[in-house]
């Protein structure tokens, strides 16, 4: 179980942390083709296959269970020109299991081709 601790008195000890997940994503989208411009939107489902946490100082890496929800569901949108597109994903399910981490929704933006 992931238990948060207050870092006010230890801010000099912990400099930076990063949670990384590895997932398979399956989108279900509708696309409107306007010649060279394409607009797409729909839902996606993610299956989290792996995760790890890194701390910069003290330098450590943990591959243990971080209470991340195994299945994620969200909405996705894409705007494309020819074969290049910009996408945005917003998670509708919380990233962490109930009472085992902060209440947060993942949000991703990027470029694809």
C-alpha atoms as a PDB file:
ATOM      1  CA  UNK A   1       0.000   0.000   0.000  1.00  0.00           C
ATOM      2  CA  UNK A   2       1.313   3.439  -0.912  1.00  0.00           C
ATOM      3  CA  UNK A   3       1.370   5.785   2.082  1.00  0.00           C
ATOM      4  CA  UNK A   4       2.185   9.470   1.477  1.00  0.00           C
ATOM      5  CA  UNK A   5       4.410  11.239   4.014  1.00  0.00           C
ATOM      6  CA  UNK A   6       4.781  14.939   4.684  1.00  0.00           C
ATOM      7  CA  UNK A   7       8.034  16.264   3.241  1.00  0.00           C
ATOM      8  CA  UNK A   8       8.175  19.756   4.809  1.00  0.00           C
ATOM      9  CA  UNK A   9      11.100  18.876   7.073  1.00  0.00           C
ATOM     10  CA  UNK A  10      12.806  16.622   4.479  1.00  0.00           C
ATOM     11  CA  UNK A  11      12.691  18.820   1.348  1.00  0.00           C
ATOM     12  CA  UNK A  12      16.491  18.947   1.169  1.00  0.00           C
ATOM     13  CA  UNK A  13      16.670  15.111   1.210  1.00  0.00           C
ATOM     14  CA  UNK A  14      14.194  14.429  -1.650  1.00  0.00           C
ATOM     15  CA  UNK A  15      14.922  16.511  -4.754  1.00  0.00           C
ATOM     16  CA  UNK A  16      12.810  14.912  -7.464  1.00  0.00           C
ATOM     17  CA  UNK A  17      10.686  11.826  -8.032  1.00  0.00           C
ATOM     18  CA  UNK A  18       9.175  10.321 -11.175  1.00  0.00           C
ATOM     19  CA  UNK A  19       6.557   7.611 -11.682  1.00  0.00           C
ATOM     20  CA  UNK A  20       6.772   5.859 -15.065  1.00  0.00           C
ATOM     21  CA  UNK A  21       4.202   3.424 -16.434  1.00  0.00           C
ATOM     22  CA  UNK A  22       4.255   1.134 -19.453  1.00  0.00           C
ATOM     23  CA  UNK A  23       0.868   0.406 -21.025  1.00  0.00           C
ATOM     24  CA  UNK A  24      -0.915  -0.924 -24.072  1.00  0.00           C
ATOM     25  CA  UNK A  25      -3.570   1.455 -25.350  1.00  0.00           C
ATOM     26  CA  UNK A  26      -6.547   0.544 -27.531  1.00  0.00           C
ATOM     27  CA  UNK A  27      -8.431   3.515 -29.055  1.00  0.00           C
ATOM     28  CA  UNK A  28     -11.936   3.446 -30.528  1.00  0.00           C
ATOM     29  CA  UNK A  29     -12.374   6.605 -32.607  1.00  0.00           C
ATOM     30  CA  UNK A  30     -14.483   8.187 -35.305  1.00  0.00           C
ATOM     31  CA  UNK A  31     -12.632  10.193 -37.957  1.00  0.00           C
ATOM     32  CA  UNK A  32     -13.832  12.989 -40.211  1.00  0.00           C
ATOM     33  CA  UNK A  33     -11.688  13.369 -43.323  1.00  0.00           C
ATOM     34  CA  UNK A  34     -11.660  16.920 -44.754  1.00  0.00           C
ATOM     35  CA  UNK A  35      -9.181  16.377 -47.572  1.00  0.00           C
ATOM     36  CA  UNK A  36      -5.698  16.724 -46.085  1.00  0.00           C
ATOM     37  CA  UNK A  37      -7.074  17.554 -42.616  1.00  0.00           C
ATOM     38  CA  UNK A  38      -8.426  14.812 -40.353  1.00  0.00           C
ATOM     39  CA  UNK A  39     -10.376  15.223 -37.098  1.00  0.00           C
ATOM     40  CA  UNK A  40     -10.767  12.234 -34.770  1.00  0.00           C
ATOM     41  CA  UNK A  41     -12.304  11.650 -31.365  1.00  0.00           C
ATOM     42  CA  UNK A  42     -13.364   8.780 -29.182  1.00  0.00           C
ATOM     43  CA  UNK A  43     -12.473   6.596 -26.225  1.00  0.00           C
ATOM     44  CA  UNK A  44      -9.362   4.665 -25.279  1.00  0.00           C
ATOM     45  CA  UNK A  45      -8.583   1.867 -22.838  1.00  0.00           C
ATOM     46  CA  UNK A  46      -5.148   1.307 -21.305  1.00  0.00           C
ATOM     47  CA  UNK A  47      -3.769  -1.794 -19.621  1.00  0.00           C
ATOM     48  CA  UNK A  48      -0.847  -0.930 -17.333  1.00  0.00           C
ATOM     49  CA  UNK A  49       1.800  -3.625 -17.825  1.00  0.00           C
ATOM     50  CA  UNK A  50       4.615  -2.175 -15.728  1.00  0.00           C
ATOM     51  CA  UNK A  51       5.587   0.731 -13.501  1.00  0.00           C
ATOM     52  CA  UNK A  52       8.561   2.043 -11.571  1.00  0.00           C
ATOM     53  CA  UNK A  53       9.484   5.060  -9.471  1.00  0.00           C
ATOM     54  CA  UNK A  54      12.791   6.952  -9.499  1.00  0.00           C
ATOM     55  CA  UNK A  55      14.083   9.389  -6.908  1.00  0.00           C
ATOM     56  CA  UNK A  56      16.885  11.744  -7.886  1.00  0.00           C
ATOM     57  CA  UNK A  57      18.273  12.322  -4.398  1.00  0.00           C
ATOM     58  CA  UNK A  58      18.870   9.921  -2.748  1.00  0.00           C
ATOM     59  CA  UNK A  59      19.257   8.085  -6.070  1.00  0.00           C
ATOM     60  CA  UNK A  60      17.001   5.020  -5.912  1.00  0.00           C
ATOM     61  CA  UNK A  61      14.708   3.066  -8.214  1.00  0.00           C
ATOM     62  CA  UNK A  62      11.696   1.030  -7.063  1.00  0.00           C
ATOM     63  CA  UNK A  63       9.858  -1.456  -9.310  1.00  0.00           C
ATOM     64  CA  UNK A  64       7.302  -2.414  -6.664  1.00  0.00           C
ATOM     65  CA  UNK A  65       3.521  -2.037  -6.749  1.00  0.00           C
ATOM     66  CA  UNK A  66       2.563   1.649  -6.587  1.00  0.00           C
ATOM     67  CA  UNK A  67      -1.178   1.062  -6.396  1.00  0.00           C
ATOM     68  CA  UNK A  68      -1.698   2.223  -9.998  1.00  0.00           C
ATOM     69  CA  UNK A  69      -5.012   1.081 -11.473  1.00  0.00           C
ATOM     70  CA  UNK A  70      -4.378  -1.780 -13.912  1.00  0.00           C
ATOM     71  CA  UNK A  71      -7.107  -0.574 -16.319  1.00  0.00           C
ATOM     72  CA  UNK A  72      -7.566   3.038 -17.406  1.00  0.00           C
ATOM     73  CA  UNK A  73     -10.389   4.513 -19.506  1.00  0.00           C
ATOM     74  CA  UNK A  74     -10.362   7.933 -21.124  1.00  0.00           C
ATOM     75  CA  UNK A  75     -11.271  10.209 -24.010  1.00  0.00           C
ATOM     76  CA  UNK A  76      -8.987  11.045 -26.912  1.00  0.00           C
ATOM     77  CA  UNK A  77      -8.924  13.619 -29.715  1.00  0.00           C
ATOM     78  CA  UNK A  78      -6.661  14.067 -32.741  1.00  0.00           C
ATOM     79  CA  UNK A  79      -6.173  16.774 -35.354  1.00  0.00           C
ATOM     80  CA  UNK A  80      -4.055  15.762 -38.312  1.00  0.00           C
ATOM     81  CA  UNK A  81      -2.617  17.142 -41.507  1.00  0.00           C
ATOM     82  CA  UNK A  82      -1.624  14.513 -44.094  1.00  0.00           C
ATOM     83  CA  UNK A  83       0.216  11.846 -42.021  1.00  0.00           C
ATOM     84  CA  UNK A  84       1.157  13.980 -38.957  1.00  0.00           C
ATOM     85  CA  UNK A  85      -1.259  14.651 -36.104  1.00  0.00           C
ATOM     86  CA  UNK A  86      -1.485  16.235 -32.659  1.00  0.00           C
ATOM     87  CA  UNK A  87      -3.327  14.237 -30.017  1.00  0.00           C
ATOM     88  CA  UNK A  88      -4.649  14.700 -26.512  1.00  0.00           C
ATOM     89  CA  UNK A  89      -5.784  12.039 -24.032  1.00  0.00           C
ATOM     90  CA  UNK A  90      -7.633  12.629 -20.769  1.00  0.00           C
ATOM     91  CA  UNK A  91      -8.168   9.804 -18.283  1.00  0.00           C
ATOM     92  CA  UNK A  92     -11.683   9.391 -16.903  1.00  0.00           C
ATOM     93  CA  UNK A  93     -10.632   6.858 -14.258  1.00  0.00           C
ATOM     94  CA  UNK A  94      -8.283   7.819 -11.411  1.00  0.00           C
ATOM     95  CA  UNK A  95      -4.640   6.881 -11.893  1.00  0.00           C
ATOM     96  CA  UNK A  96      -4.319   5.298  -8.425  1.00  0.00           C
ATOM     97  CA  UNK A  97      -6.516   2.807  -6.590  1.00  0.00           C
ATOM     98  CA  UNK A  98      -8.938   4.174  -3.980  1.00  0.00           C
ATOM     99  CA  UNK A  99      -7.122   5.532  -0.861  1.00  0.00           C
ATOM    100  CA  UNK A 100      -3.716   4.340  -2.141  1.00  0.00           C
ATOM    101  CA  UNK A 101      -2.401   7.499  -3.760  1.00  0.00           C
ATOM    102  CA  UNK A 102      -3.344  11.029  -4.743  1.00  0.00           C
ATOM    103  CA  UNK A 103      -6.594  11.514  -6.677  1.00  0.00           C
ATOM    104  CA  UNK A 104      -5.357  12.444 -10.130  1.00  0.00           C
ATOM    105  CA  UNK A 105      -6.395  11.878 -13.741  1.00  0.00           C
ATOM    106  CA  UNK A 106      -3.682  11.341 -16.386  1.00  0.00           C
ATOM    107  CA  UNK A 107      -3.506  13.882 -19.226  1.00  0.00           C
ATOM    108  CA  UNK A 108      -1.274  13.374 -22.265  1.00  0.00           C
ATOM    109  CA  UNK A 109      -0.547  15.540 -25.298  1.00  0.00           C
ATOM    110  CA  UNK A 110       1.799  14.717 -28.148  1.00  0.00           C
ATOM    111  CA  UNK A 111       2.633  14.450 -31.812  1.00  0.00           C
ATOM    112  CA  UNK A 112       2.208  11.287 -33.869  1.00  0.00           C
ATOM    113  CA  UNK A 113       2.701  10.117 -37.412  1.00  0.00           C
END
